[in-house]
Amino acid sequence: MSYTAQVSEVLEEFNGILYKMIRVKLISSSGRFPHRALPPVLRITNGTSIANAFWVNISGNQLEIESFFATDAFTGYSATSTLEFGYGSEYGTIVSSVDVTSPITLLPFMTSVPHTILTNAIIATF
């Protein structure tokens, strides 16, 4: 299967609050990500650290996965990190050489929208 990973800053509402966070979108060009009984999970590893997405969605057409991370989730990561996707506690899909260090930034006009920067410290309170 062939996959593309896109890493970008986004503004998303979570629990009624607008947050700036990092979205990692995994796009399949040759297969689907089916909905299953177990929840979808996605993590980024760099050999010494693991960042788990706190929120993962499978698109309606099952060709894309959107996963969300705190803005400080990838501190110390390299441009050759590994993305792993699965269900529950099982990971099966692996995408190598994902650069999580240089996300596509918010458009300038979006930075003026009132929001909270999502950090790992805030996620710990959810």
PDB file of N, CA and C in Angstrom:
ATOM      1  N   MET A   1       0.824  -1.181   0.000  1.00  0.00           N
ATOM      2  CA  MET A   1       0.000   0.000   0.000  1.00  0.00           C
ATOM      3  C   MET A   1       0.871   1.249   0.000  1.00  0.00           C
ATOM      4  N   SER A   2       0.316   2.304  -0.517  1.00  0.00           N
ATOM      5  CA  SER A   2       1.038   3.562  -0.606  1.00  0.00           C
ATOM      6  C   SER A   2       0.339   4.610   0.267  1.00  0.00           C
ATOM      7  N   TYR A   3       1.138   5.330   1.067  1.00  0.00           N
ATOM      8  CA  TYR A   3       0.593   6.327   1.990  1.00  0.00           C
ATOM      9  C   TYR A   3       1.324   7.645   1.848  1.00  0.00           C
ATOM     10  N   THR A   4       0.600   8.715   2.143  1.00  0.00           N
ATOM     11  CA  THR A   4       1.172  10.048   2.230  1.00  0.00           C
ATOM     12  C   THR A   4       0.816  10.604   3.597  1.00  0.00           C
ATOM     13  N   ALA A   5       1.783  11.230   4.259  1.00  0.00           N
ATOM     14  CA  ALA A   5       1.523  11.864   5.549  1.00  0.00           C
ATOM     15  C   ALA A   5       1.642  13.376   5.391  1.00  0.00           C
ATOM     16  N   GLN A   6       0.672  14.103   5.937  1.00  0.00           N
ATOM     17  CA  GLN A   6       0.692  15.567   5.928  1.00  0.00           C
ATOM     18  C   GLN A   6       0.649  16.036   7.373  1.00  0.00           C
ATOM     19  N   VAL A   7       1.573  16.923   7.729  1.00  0.00           N
ATOM     20  CA  VAL A   7       1.656  17.439   9.097  1.00  0.00           C
ATOM     21  C   VAL A   7       1.386  18.946   9.040  1.00  0.00           C
ATOM     22  N   SER A   8       0.406  19.411   9.819  1.00  0.00           N
ATOM     23  CA  SER A   8       0.057  20.831   9.762  1.00  0.00           C
ATOM     24  C   SER A   8      -0.477  21.324  11.106  1.00  0.00           C
ATOM     25  N   GLU A   9      -0.309  22.626  11.322  1.00  0.00           N
ATOM     26  CA  GLU A   9      -0.948  23.275  12.454  1.00  0.00           C
ATOM     27  C   GLU A   9      -2.396  23.532  12.072  1.00  0.00           C
ATOM     28  N   VAL A  10      -3.314  23.326  13.005  1.00  0.00           N
ATOM     29  CA  VAL A  10      -4.731  23.559  12.746  1.00  0.00           C
ATOM     30  C   VAL A  10      -5.377  24.177  13.974  1.00  0.00           C
ATOM     31  N   LEU A  11      -6.517  24.804  13.759  1.00  0.00           N
ATOM     32  CA  LEU A  11      -7.380  25.228  14.855  1.00  0.00           C
ATOM     33  C   LEU A  11      -8.562  24.272  14.860  1.00  0.00           C
ATOM     34  N   GLU A  12      -8.760  23.600  15.972  1.00  0.00           N
ATOM     35  CA  GLU A  12      -9.861  22.644  16.101  1.00  0.00           C
ATOM     36  C   GLU A  12     -10.542  22.853  17.442  1.00  0.00           C
ATOM     37  N   GLU A  13     -11.852  22.673  17.439  1.00  0.00           N
ATOM     38  CA  GLU A  13     -12.583  22.751  18.696  1.00  0.00           C
ATOM     39  C   GLU A  13     -12.571  21.384  19.355  1.00  0.00           C
ATOM     40  N   PHE A  14     -12.259  21.376  20.640  1.00  0.00           N
ATOM     41  CA  PHE A  14     -12.259  20.137  21.419  1.00  0.00           C
ATOM     42  C   PHE A  14     -12.807  20.474  22.797  1.00  0.00           C
ATOM     43  N   ASN A  15     -13.819  19.752  23.209  1.00  0.00           N
ATOM     44  CA  ASN A  15     -14.482  20.009  24.493  1.00  0.00           C
ATOM     45  C   ASN A  15     -14.951  21.456  24.609  1.00  0.00           C
ATOM     46  N   GLY A  16     -15.417  22.030  23.504  1.00  0.00           N
ATOM     47  CA  GLY A  16     -15.970  23.368  23.513  1.00  0.00           C
ATOM     48  C   GLY A  16     -14.960  24.498  23.509  1.00  0.00           C
ATOM     49  N   ILE A  17     -13.679  24.187  23.346  1.00  0.00           N
ATOM     50  CA  ILE A  17     -12.625  25.207  23.339  1.00  0.00           C
ATOM     51  C   ILE A  17     -11.872  25.107  22.017  1.00  0.00           C
ATOM     52  N   LEU A  18     -11.550  26.255  21.416  1.00  0.00           N
ATOM     53  CA  LEU A  18     -10.784  26.285  20.179  1.00  0.00           C
ATOM     54  C   LEU A  18      -9.293  26.218  20.521  1.00  0.00           C
ATOM     55  N   TYR A  19      -8.624  25.207  20.003  1.00  0.00           N
ATOM     56  CA  TYR A  19      -7.205  24.989  20.277  1.00  0.00           C
ATOM     57  C   TYR A  19      -6.388  25.029  18.993  1.00  0.00           C
ATOM     58  N   LYS A  20      -5.163  25.498  19.122  1.00  0.00           N
ATOM     59  CA  LYS A  20      -4.160  25.298  18.067  1.00  0.00           C
ATOM     60  C   LYS A  20      -3.465  23.988  18.405  1.00  0.00           C
ATOM     61  N   MET A  21      -3.428  23.070  17.447  1.00  0.00           N
ATOM     62  CA  MET A  21      -2.812  21.761  17.656  1.00  0.00           C
ATOM     63  C   MET A  21      -2.149  21.313  16.362  1.00  0.00           C
ATOM     64  N   ILE A  22      -1.489  20.178  16.421  1.00  0.00           N
ATOM     65  CA  ILE A  22      -0.843  19.590  15.242  1.00  0.00           C
ATOM     66  C   ILE A  22      -1.721  18.451  14.731  1.00  0.00           C
ATOM     67  N   ARG A  23      -2.047  18.513  13.442  1.00  0.00           N
ATOM     68  CA  ARG A  23      -2.789  17.417  12.808  1.00  0.00           C
ATOM     69  C   ARG A  23      -1.830  16.640  11.923  1.00  0.00           C
ATOM     70  N   VAL A  24      -1.842  15.327  12.084  1.00  0.00           N
ATOM     71  CA  VAL A  24      -1.104  14.442  11.191  1.00  0.00           C
ATOM     72  C   VAL A  24      -2.159  13.657  10.422  1.00  0.00           C
ATOM     73  N   LYS A  25      -2.196  13.910   9.109  1.00  0.00           N
ATOM     74  CA  LYS A  25      -3.174  13.239   8.258  1.00  0.00           C
ATOM     75  C   LYS A  25      -2.459  12.152   7.465  1.00  0.00           C
ATOM     76  N   LEU A  26      -2.995  10.946   7.531  1.00  0.00           N
ATOM     77  CA  LEU A  26      -2.461   9.812   6.778  1.00  0.00           C
ATOM     78  C   LEU A  26      -3.450   9.507   5.662  1.00  0.00           C
ATOM     79  N   ILE A  27      -2.961   9.544   4.418  1.00  0.00           N
ATOM     80  CA  ILE A  27      -3.808   9.352   3.247  1.00  0.00           C
ATOM     81  C   ILE A  27      -3.358   8.097   2.515  1.00  0.00           C
ATOM     82  N   SER A  28      -4.312   7.238   2.220  1.00  0.00           N
ATOM     83  CA  SER A  28      -4.017   6.007   1.487  1.00  0.00           C
ATOM     84  C   SER A  28      -4.422   6.176   0.033  1.00  0.00           C
ATOM     85  N   SER A  29      -3.519   5.807  -0.863  1.00  0.00           N
ATOM     86  CA  SER A  29      -3.857   5.876  -2.284  1.00  0.00           C
ATOM     87  C   SER A  29      -4.203   4.507  -2.853  1.00  0.00           C
ATOM     88  N   SER A  30      -4.108   3.474  -2.021  1.00  0.00           N
ATOM     89  CA  SER A  30      -4.350   2.138  -2.570  1.00  0.00           C
ATOM     90  C   SER A  30      -5.120   1.209  -1.635  1.00  0.00           C
ATOM     91  N   GLY A  31      -5.657   1.709  -0.573  1.00  0.00           N
ATOM     92  CA  GLY A  31      -6.405   0.845   0.344  1.00  0.00           C
ATOM     93  C   GLY A  31      -7.270   1.676   1.262  1.00  0.00           C
ATOM     94  N   ARG A  32      -7.976   1.027   2.136  1.00  0.00           N
ATOM     95  CA  ARG A  32      -8.894   1.711   3.043  1.00  0.00           C
ATOM     96  C   ARG A  32      -8.495   1.479   4.496  1.00  0.00           C
ATOM     97  N   PHE A  33      -8.972   2.388   5.337  1.00  0.00           N
ATOM     98  CA  PHE A  33      -8.850   2.255   6.780  1.00  0.00           C
ATOM     99  C   PHE A  33     -10.260   1.961   7.303  1.00  0.00           C
ATOM    100  N   PRO A  34     -10.619   0.701   7.427  1.00  0.00           N
ATOM    101  CA  PRO A  34     -12.001   0.387   7.805  1.00  0.00           C
ATOM    102  C   PRO A  34     -12.296   0.742   9.265  1.00  0.00           C
ATOM    103  N   HIS A  35     -13.560   1.073   9.508  1.00  0.00           N
ATOM    104  CA  HIS A  35     -14.014   1.260  10.884  1.00  0.00           C
ATOM    105  C   HIS A  35     -14.106  -0.120  11.515  1.00  0.00           C
ATOM    106  N   ARG A  36     -13.682  -0.235  12.766  1.00  0.00           N
ATOM    107  CA  ARG A  36     -13.713  -1.516  13.480  1.00  0.00           C
ATOM    108  C   ARG A  36     -14.274  -1.300  14.874  1.00  0.00           C
ATOM    109  N   ALA A  37     -14.465  -2.388  15.589  1.00  0.00           N
ATOM    110  CA  ALA A  37     -14.971  -2.291  16.960  1.00  0.00           C
ATOM    111  C   ALA A  37     -13.963  -1.603  17.869  1.00  0.00           C
ATOM    112  N   LEU A  38     -12.679  -1.847  17.665  1.00  0.00           N
ATOM    113  CA  LEU A  38     -11.648  -1.200  18.467  1.00  0.00           C
ATOM    114  C   LEU A  38     -11.378   0.207  17.943  1.00  0.00           C
ATOM    115  N   PRO A  39     -11.011   1.138  18.813  1.00  0.00           N
ATOM    116  CA  PRO A  39     -10.756   2.504  18.353  1.00  0.00           C
ATOM    117  C   PRO A  39      -9.465   2.599  17.542  1.00  0.00           C
ATOM    118  N   PRO A  40      -9.428   3.504  16.551  1.00  0.00           N
ATOM    119  CA  PRO A  40      -8.191   3.705  15.799  1.00  0.00           C
ATOM    120  C   PRO A  40      -7.161   4.417  16.680  1.00  0.00           C
ATOM    121  N   VAL A  41      -5.895   4.056  16.499  1.00  0.00           N
ATOM    122  CA  VAL A  41      -4.802   4.674  17.248  1.00  0.00           C
ATOM    123  C   VAL A  41      -3.687   5.027  16.276  1.00  0.00           C
ATOM    124  N   LEU A  42      -2.963   6.098  16.586  1.00  0.00           N
ATOM    125  CA  LEU A  42      -1.848   6.508  15.756  1.00  0.00           C
ATOM    126  C   LEU A  42      -0.782   7.093  16.665  1.00  0.00           C
ATOM    127  N   ARG A  43       0.459   6.740  16.380  1.00  0.00           N
ATOM    128  CA  ARG A  43       1.570   7.277  17.160  1.00  0.00           C
ATOM    129  C   ARG A  43       2.738   7.580  16.244  1.00  0.00           C
ATOM    130  N   ILE A  44       3.607   8.472  16.727  1.00  0.00           N
ATOM    131  CA  ILE A  44       4.823   8.840  16.019  1.00  0.00           C
ATOM    132  C   ILE A  44       5.995   8.455  16.921  1.00  0.00           C
ATOM    133  N   THR A  45       6.957   7.747  16.359  1.00  0.00           N
ATOM    134  CA  THR A  45       8.130   7.343  17.135  1.00  0.00           C
ATOM    135  C   THR A  45       9.388   7.874  16.459  1.00  0.00           C
ATOM    136  N   ASN A  46      10.426   8.052  17.270  1.00  0.00           N
ATOM    137  CA  ASN A  46      11.703   8.502  16.704  1.00  0.00           C
ATOM    138  C   ASN A  46      12.864   7.657  17.212  1.00  0.00           C
ATOM    139  N   GLY A  47      12.581   6.477  17.687  1.00  0.00           N
ATOM    140  CA  GLY A  47      13.625   5.591  18.186  1.00  0.00           C
ATOM    141  C   GLY A  47      13.771   5.634  19.691  1.00  0.00           C
ATOM    142  N   THR A  48      13.553   6.808  20.292  1.00  0.00           N
ATOM    143  CA  THR A  48      13.667   6.924  21.747  1.00  0.00           C
ATOM    144  C   THR A  48      12.390   7.429  22.398  1.00  0.00           C
ATOM    145  N   SER A  49      11.518   8.091  21.636  1.00  0.00           N
ATOM    146  CA  SER A  49      10.284   8.650  22.188  1.00  0.00           C
ATOM    147  C   SER A  49       9.083   8.197  21.373  1.00  0.00           C
ATOM    148  N   ILE A  50       7.938   8.183  22.044  1.00  0.00           N
ATOM    149  CA  ILE A  50       6.669   7.856  21.388  1.00  0.00           C
ATOM    150  C   ILE A  50       5.671   8.955  21.722  1.00  0.00           C
ATOM    151  N   ALA A  51       5.052   9.526  20.696  1.00  0.00           N
ATOM    152  CA  ALA A  51       3.981  10.513  20.879  1.00  0.00           C
ATOM    153  C   ALA A  51       2.687   9.880  20.382  1.00  0.00           C
ATOM    154  N   ASN A  52       1.741   9.678  21.281  1.00  0.00           N
ATOM    155  CA  ASN A  52       0.446   9.104  20.931  1.00  0.00           C
ATOM    156  C   ASN A  52      -0.551  10.207  20.634  1.00  0.00           C
ATOM    157  N   ALA A  53      -1.287  10.048  19.548  1.00  0.00           N
ATOM    158  CA  ALA A  53      -2.346  11.007  19.227  1.00  0.00           C
ATOM    159  C   ALA A  53      -3.407  10.929  20.316  1.00  0.00           C
ATOM    160  N   PHE A  54      -3.930  12.089  20.717  1.00  0.00           N
ATOM    161  CA  PHE A  54      -4.972  12.064  21.738  1.00  0.00           C
ATOM    162  C   PHE A  54      -6.358  11.948  21.113  1.00  0.00           C
ATOM    163  N   TRP A  55      -6.434  12.107  19.777  1.00  0.00           N
ATOM    164  CA  TRP A  55      -7.722  12.074  19.080  1.00  0.00           C
ATOM    165  C   TRP A  55      -7.450  11.586  17.666  1.00  0.00           C
ATOM    166  N   VAL A  56      -8.166  10.545  17.230  1.00  0.00           N
ATOM    167  CA  VAL A  56      -7.970   9.957  15.894  1.00  0.00           C
ATOM    168  C   VAL A  56      -9.333   9.749  15.240  1.00  0.00           C
ATOM    169  N   ASN A  57      -9.461  10.189  13.987  1.00  0.00           N
ATOM    170  CA  ASN A  57     -10.693  10.029  13.206  1.00  0.00           C
ATOM    171  C   ASN A  57     -10.394   9.351  11.883  1.00  0.00           C
ATOM    172  N   ILE A  58     -11.261   8.452  11.478  1.00  0.00           N
ATOM    173  CA  ILE A  58     -11.209   7.868  10.136  1.00  0.00           C
ATOM    174  C   ILE A  58     -12.259   8.590   9.303  1.00  0.00           C
ATOM    175  N   SER A  59     -11.877   9.021   8.100  1.00  0.00           N
ATOM    176  CA  SER A  59     -12.812   9.768   7.244  1.00  0.00           C
ATOM    177  C   SER A  59     -13.963   8.876   6.797  1.00  0.00           C
ATOM    178  N   GLY A  60     -15.026   9.529   6.345  1.00  0.00           N
ATOM    179  CA  GLY A  60     -16.201   8.792   5.880  1.00  0.00           C
ATOM    180  C   GLY A  60     -15.909   7.865   4.718  1.00  0.00           C
ATOM    181  N   ASN A  61     -15.002   8.271   3.814  1.00  0.00           N
ATOM    182  CA  ASN A  61     -14.654   7.414   2.673  1.00  0.00           C
ATOM    183  C   ASN A  61     -13.571   6.391   3.020  1.00  0.00           C
ATOM    184  N   GLN A  62     -13.084   6.430   4.252  1.00  0.00           N
ATOM    185  CA  GLN A  62     -12.101   5.488   4.795  1.00  0.00           C
ATOM    186  C   GLN A  62     -10.747   5.529   4.080  1.00  0.00           C
ATOM    187  N   LEU A  63     -10.448   6.648   3.407  1.00  0.00           N
ATOM    188  CA  LEU A  63      -9.162   6.786   2.727  1.00  0.00           C
ATOM    189  C   LEU A  63      -8.183   7.667   3.503  1.00  0.00           C
ATOM    190  N   GLU A  64      -8.673   8.325   4.561  1.00  0.00           N
ATOM    191  CA  GLU A  64      -7.825   9.236   5.328  1.00  0.00           C
ATOM    192  C   GLU A  64      -8.033   9.032   6.824  1.00  0.00           C
ATOM    193  N   ILE A  65      -6.967   9.276   7.547  1.00  0.00           N
ATOM    194  CA  ILE A  65      -7.017   9.289   9.006  1.00  0.00           C
ATOM    195  C   ILE A  65      -6.510  10.652   9.450  1.00  0.00           C
ATOM    196  N   GLU A  66      -7.243  11.292  10.336  1.00  0.00           N
ATOM    197  CA  GLU A  66      -6.780  12.524  10.947  1.00  0.00           C
ATOM    198  C   GLU A  66      -6.457  12.215  12.400  1.00  0.00           C
ATOM    199  N   SER A  67      -5.251  12.588  12.814  1.00  0.00           N
ATOM    200  CA  SER A  67      -4.850  12.390  14.206  1.00  0.00           C
ATOM    201  C   SER A  67      -4.344  13.722  14.740  1.00  0.00           C
ATOM    202  N   PHE A  68      -4.549  13.944  16.024  1.00  0.00           N
ATOM    203  CA  PHE A  68      -4.244  15.238  16.601  1.00  0.00           C
ATOM    204  C   PHE A  68      -3.296  15.101  17.786  1.00  0.00           C
ATOM    205  N   PHE A  69      -2.336  16.043  17.843  1.00  0.00           N
ATOM    206  CA  PHE A  69      -1.290  16.045  18.857  1.00  0.00           C
ATOM    207  C   PHE A  69      -1.155  17.439  19.454  1.00  0.00           C
ATOM    208  N   ALA A  70      -0.589  17.513  20.638  1.00  0.00           N
ATOM    209  CA  ALA A  70      -0.257  18.804  21.243  1.00  0.00           C
ATOM    210  C   ALA A  70       0.828  19.474  20.413  1.00  0.00           C
ATOM    211  N   THR A  71       0.904  20.801  20.511  1.00  0.00           N
ATOM    212  CA  THR A  71       1.902  21.543  19.735  1.00  0.00           C
ATOM    213  C   THR A  71       3.326  21.221  20.164  1.00  0.00           C
ATOM    214  N   ASP A  72       3.509  20.723  21.385  1.00  0.00           N
ATOM    215  CA  ASP A  72       4.857  20.382  21.862  1.00  0.00           C
ATOM    216  C   ASP A  72       5.128  18.878  21.846  1.00  0.00           C
ATOM    217  N   ALA A  73       4.286  18.121  21.160  1.00  0.00           N
ATOM    218  CA  ALA A  73       4.417  16.656  21.159  1.00  0.00           C
ATOM    219  C   ALA A  73       5.701  16.159  20.507  1.00  0.00           C
ATOM    220  N   PHE A  74       6.240  16.903  19.553  1.00  0.00           N
ATOM    221  CA  PHE A  74       7.382  16.413  18.776  1.00  0.00           C
ATOM    222  C   PHE A  74       8.685  17.128  19.103  1.00  0.00           C
ATOM    223  N   THR A  75       8.766  17.714  20.275  1.00  0.00           N
ATOM    224  CA  THR A  75      10.001  18.358  20.713  1.00  0.00           C
ATOM    225  C   THR A  75      11.119  17.319  20.748  1.00  0.00           C
ATOM    226  N   GLY A  76      12.221  17.606  20.066  1.00  0.00           N
ATOM    227  CA  GLY A  76      13.349  16.680  20.030  1.00  0.00           C
ATOM    228  C   GLY A  76      13.264  15.612  18.957  1.00  0.00           C
ATOM    229  N   TYR A  77      12.214  15.624  18.157  1.00  0.00           N
ATOM    230  CA  TYR A  77      12.080  14.631  17.090  1.00  0.00           C
ATOM    231  C   TYR A  77      12.903  15.045  15.875  1.00  0.00           C
ATOM    232  N   SER A  78      13.215  14.064  15.031  1.00  0.00           N
ATOM    233  CA  SER A  78      13.979  14.341  13.814  1.00  0.00           C
ATOM    234  C   SER A  78      13.049  14.336  12.603  1.00  0.00           C
ATOM    235  N   ALA A  79      13.597  14.679  11.467  1.00  0.00           N
ATOM    236  CA  ALA A  79      12.820  14.704  10.226  1.00  0.00           C
ATOM    237  C   ALA A  79      12.577  13.302   9.671  1.00  0.00           C
ATOM    238  N   THR A  80      13.068  12.293  10.345  1.00  0.00           N
ATOM    239  CA  THR A  80      12.885  10.915   9.864  1.00  0.00           C
ATOM    240  C   THR A  80      12.181  10.071  10.927  1.00  0.00           C
ATOM    241  N   SER A  81      11.053  10.563  11.399  1.00  0.00           N
ATOM    242  CA  SER A  81      10.281   9.824  12.397  1.00  0.00           C
ATOM    243  C   SER A  81       9.424   8.765  11.705  1.00  0.00           C
ATOM    244  N   THR A  82       8.854   7.877  12.503  1.00  0.00           N
ATOM    245  CA  THR A  82       8.033   6.783  11.991  1.00  0.00           C
ATOM    246  C   THR A  82       6.608   6.933  12.485  1.00  0.00           C
ATOM    247  N   LEU A  83       5.652   6.813  11.581  1.00  0.00           N
ATOM    248  CA  LEU A  83       4.233   6.857  11.906  1.00  0.00           C
ATOM    249  C   LEU A  83       3.720   5.431  11.981  1.00  0.00           C
ATOM    250  N   GLU A  84       2.964   5.121  13.022  1.00  0.00           N
ATOM    251  CA  GLU A  84       2.374   3.786  13.178  1.00  0.00           C
ATOM    252  C   GLU A  84       0.880   3.943  13.430  1.00  0.00           C
ATOM    253  N   PHE A  85       0.081   3.163  12.701  1.00  0.00           N
ATOM    254  CA  PHE A  85      -1.374   3.209  12.831  1.00  0.00           C
ATOM    255  C   PHE A  85      -1.895   1.813  13.120  1.00  0.00           C
ATOM    256  N   GLY A  86      -2.959   1.765  13.900  1.00  0.00           N
ATOM    257  CA  GLY A  86      -3.600   0.489  14.181  1.00  0.00           C
ATOM    258  C   GLY A  86      -4.926   0.684  14.894  1.00  0.00           C
ATOM    259  N   TYR A  87      -5.350  -0.371  15.597  1.00  0.00           N
ATOM    260  CA  TYR A  87      -6.607  -0.367  16.331  1.00  0.00           C
ATOM    261  C   TYR A  87      -6.360  -0.922  17.728  1.00  0.00           C
ATOM    262  N   GLY A  88      -6.959  -0.280  18.735  1.00  0.00           N
ATOM    263  CA  GLY A  88      -6.768  -0.743  20.114  1.00  0.00           C
ATOM    264  C   GLY A  88      -5.313  -0.586  20.513  1.00  0.00           C
ATOM    265  N   SER A  89      -4.660  -1.706  20.793  1.00  0.00           N
ATOM    266  CA  SER A  89      -3.236  -1.665  21.154  1.00  0.00           C
ATOM    267  C   SER A  89      -2.358  -2.329  20.092  1.00  0.00           C
ATOM    268  N   GLU A  90      -2.961  -2.647  18.948  1.00  0.00           N
ATOM    269  CA  GLU A  90      -2.226  -3.306  17.866  1.00  0.00           C
ATOM    270  C   GLU A  90      -1.917  -2.318  16.748  1.00  0.00           C
ATOM    271  N   TYR A  91      -0.643  -2.228  16.378  1.00  0.00           N
ATOM    272  CA  TYR A  91      -0.211  -1.339  15.293  1.00  0.00           C
ATOM    273  C   TYR A  91       0.245  -2.187  14.118  1.00  0.00           C
ATOM    274  N   GLY A  92      -0.253  -1.870  12.908  1.00  0.00           N
ATOM    275  CA  GLY A  92       0.111  -2.658  11.747  1.00  0.00           C
ATOM    276  C   GLY A  92       0.653  -1.839  10.588  1.00  0.00           C
ATOM    277  N   THR A  93       0.107  -0.652  10.381  1.00  0.00           N
ATOM    278  CA  THR A  93       0.543   0.203   9.283  1.00  0.00           C
ATOM    279  C   THR A  93       1.704   1.062   9.752  1.00  0.00           C
ATOM    280  N   ILE A  94       2.812   1.006   9.027  1.00  0.00           N
ATOM    281  CA  ILE A  94       4.002   1.769   9.390  1.00  0.00           C
ATOM    282  C   ILE A  94       4.440   2.599   8.186  1.00  0.00           C
ATOM    283  N   VAL A  95       4.661   3.890   8.424  1.00  0.00           N
ATOM    284  CA  VAL A  95       5.147   4.801   7.389  1.00  0.00           C
ATOM    285  C   VAL A  95       6.439   5.415   7.917  1.00  0.00           C
ATOM    286  N   SER A  96       7.529   5.205   7.185  1.00  0.00           N
ATOM    287  CA  SER A  96       8.839   5.691   7.617  1.00  0.00           C
ATOM    288  C   SER A  96       9.135   7.079   7.060  1.00  0.00           C
ATOM    289  N   SER A  97      10.101   7.730   7.680  1.00  0.00           N
ATOM    290  CA  SER A  97      10.631   9.029   7.225  1.00  0.00           C
ATOM    291  C   SER A  97       9.570  10.125   7.149  1.00  0.00           C
ATOM    292  N   VAL A  98       8.784  10.242   8.196  1.00  0.00           N
ATOM    293  CA  VAL A  98       7.782  11.301   8.293  1.00  0.00           C
ATOM    294  C   VAL A  98       8.418  12.478   9.036  1.00  0.00           C
ATOM    295  N   ASP A  99       8.359  13.662   8.442  1.00  0.00           N
ATOM    296  CA  ASP A  99       8.928  14.853   9.065  1.00  0.00           C
ATOM    297  C   ASP A  99       7.851  15.569   9.873  1.00  0.00           C
ATOM    298  N   VAL A 100       7.899  15.413  11.198  1.00  0.00           N
ATOM    299  CA  VAL A 100       6.939  16.084  12.071  1.00  0.00           C
ATOM    300  C   VAL A 100       7.509  17.380  12.645  1.00  0.00           C
ATOM    301  N   THR A 101       8.736  17.707  12.251  1.00  0.00           N
ATOM    302  CA  THR A 101       9.409  18.878  12.826  1.00  0.00           C
ATOM    303  C   THR A 101       9.069  20.176  12.114  1.00  0.00           C
ATOM    304  N   SER A 102       8.519  20.113  10.931  1.00  0.00           N
ATOM    305  CA  SER A 102       8.218  21.318  10.147  1.00  0.00           C
ATOM    306  C   SER A 102       6.784  21.276   9.625  1.00  0.00           C
ATOM    307  N   PRO A 103       5.803  21.402  10.525  1.00  0.00           N
ATOM    308  CA  PRO A 103       4.417  21.346  10.045  1.00  0.00           C
ATOM    309  C   PRO A 103       4.078  22.552   9.174  1.00  0.00           C
ATOM    310  N   ILE A 104       3.096  22.372   8.311  1.00  0.00           N
ATOM    311  CA  ILE A 104       2.556  23.492   7.555  1.00  0.00           C
ATOM    312  C   ILE A 104       1.916  24.423   8.580  1.00  0.00           C
ATOM    313  N   THR A 105       2.299  25.692   8.565  1.00  0.00           N
ATOM    314  CA  THR A 105       1.813  26.616   9.593  1.00  0.00           C
ATOM    315  C   THR A 105       0.437  27.175   9.252  1.00  0.00           C
ATOM    316  N   LEU A 106      -0.211  27.700  10.273  1.00  0.00           N
ATOM    317  CA  LEU A 106      -1.509  28.342  10.080  1.00  0.00           C
ATOM    318  C   LEU A 106      -1.373  29.519   9.118  1.00  0.00           C
ATOM    319  N   LEU A 107      -2.413  29.784   8.366  1.00  0.00           N
ATOM    320  CA  LEU A 107      -2.441  30.988   7.542  1.00  0.00           C
ATOM    321  C   LEU A 107      -2.436  32.207   8.467  1.00  0.00           C
ATOM    322  N   PRO A 108      -1.790  33.300   8.047  1.00  0.00           N
ATOM    323  CA  PRO A 108      -1.654  34.464   8.925  1.00  0.00           C
ATOM    324  C   PRO A 108      -2.969  34.972   9.528  1.00  0.00           C
ATOM    325  N   PHE A 109      -4.037  35.010   8.746  1.00  0.00           N
ATOM    326  CA  PHE A 109      -5.289  35.525   9.292  1.00  0.00           C
ATOM    327  C   PHE A 109      -5.859  34.619  10.383  1.00  0.00           C
ATOM    328  N   MET A 110      -5.505  33.335  10.370  1.00  0.00           N
ATOM    329  CA  MET A 110      -6.022  32.409  11.375  1.00  0.00           C
ATOM    330  C   MET A 110      -5.354  32.606  12.731  1.00  0.00           C
ATOM    331  N   THR A 111      -4.139  33.130  12.736  1.00  0.00           N
ATOM    332  CA  THR A 111      -3.452  33.330  14.014  1.00  0.00           C
ATOM    333  C   THR A 111      -4.116  34.413  14.850  1.00  0.00           C
ATOM    334  N   SER A 112      -4.923  35.268  14.215  1.00  0.00           N
ATOM    335  CA  SER A 112      -5.610  36.327  14.960  1.00  0.00           C
ATOM    336  C   SER A 112      -6.919  35.844  15.592  1.00  0.00           C
ATOM    337  N   VAL A 113      -7.366  34.659  15.238  1.00  0.00           N
ATOM    338  CA  VAL A 113      -8.579  34.095  15.841  1.00  0.00           C
ATOM    339  C   VAL A 113      -8.243  33.690  17.280  1.00  0.00           C
ATOM    340  N   PRO A 114      -9.037  34.119  18.260  1.00  0.00           N
ATOM    341  CA  PRO A 114      -8.739  33.743  19.651  1.00  0.00           C
ATOM    342  C   PRO A 114      -8.736  32.224  19.826  1.00  0.00           C
ATOM    343  N   HIS A 115      -7.667  31.699  20.401  1.00  0.00           N
ATOM    344  CA  HIS A 115      -7.535  30.265  20.606  1.00  0.00           C
ATOM    345  C   HIS A 115      -6.546  29.995  21.736  1.00  0.00           C
ATOM    346  N   THR A 116      -6.532  28.762  22.185  1.00  0.00           N
ATOM    347  CA  THR A 116      -5.593  28.304  23.204  1.00  0.00           C
ATOM    348  C   THR A 116      -4.599  27.372  22.536  1.00  0.00           C
ATOM    349  N   ILE A 117      -3.325  27.510  22.854  1.00  0.00           N
ATOM    350  CA  ILE A 117      -2.311  26.609  22.303  1.00  0.00           C
ATOM    351  C   ILE A 117      -2.340  25.319  23.118  1.00  0.00           C
ATOM    352  N   LEU A 118      -2.609  24.216  22.453  1.00  0.00           N
ATOM    353  CA  LEU A 118      -2.707  22.929  23.128  1.00  0.00           C
ATOM    354  C   LEU A 118      -1.311  22.366  23.409  1.00  0.00           C
ATOM    355  N   THR A 119      -1.038  22.098  24.657  1.00  0.00           N
ATOM    356  CA  THR A 119       0.230  21.508  25.079  1.00  0.00           C
ATOM    357  C   THR A 119      -0.025  20.163  25.751  1.00  0.00           C
ATOM    358  N   ASN A 120       1.035  19.396  25.952  1.00  0.00           N
ATOM    359  CA  ASN A 120       0.893  18.116  26.654  1.00  0.00           C
ATOM    360  C   ASN A 120       0.369  18.319  28.070  1.00  0.00           C
ATOM    361  N   ALA A 121       0.728  19.433  28.708  1.00  0.00           N
ATOM    362  CA  ALA A 121       0.232  19.717  30.060  1.00  0.00           C
ATOM    363  C   ALA A 121      -1.286  19.872  30.061  1.00  0.00           C
ATOM    364  N   ILE A 122      -1.831  20.509  29.024  1.00  0.00           N
ATOM    365  CA  ILE A 122      -3.292  20.653  28.938  1.00  0.00           C
ATOM    366  C   ILE A 122      -3.951  19.306  28.672  1.00  0.00           C
ATOM    367  N   ILE A 123      -3.369  18.516  27.778  1.00  0.00           N
ATOM    368  CA  ILE A 123      -3.939  17.185  27.479  1.00  0.00           C
ATOM    369  C   ILE A 123      -3.992  16.337  28.727  1.00  0.00           C
ATOM    370  N   ALA A 124      -3.029  16.459  29.610  1.00  0.00           N
ATOM    371  CA  ALA A 124      -2.998  15.671  30.840  1.00  0.00           C
ATOM    372  C   ALA A 124      -4.210  15.965  31.729  1.00  0.00           C
ATOM    373  N   THR A 125      -4.868  17.103  31.516  1.00  0.00           N
ATOM    374  CA  THR A 125      -6.049  17.451  32.328  1.00  0.00           C
ATOM    375  C   THR A 125      -7.351  16.937  31.725  1.00  0.00           C
ATOM    376  N   PHE A 126      -7.330  16.416  30.507  1.00  0.00           N
ATOM    377  CA  PHE A 126      -8.555  15.916  29.858  1.00  0.00           C
ATOM    378  C   PHE A 126      -9.047  14.664  30.549  1.00  0.00           C
TER     379      PHE A 126
END
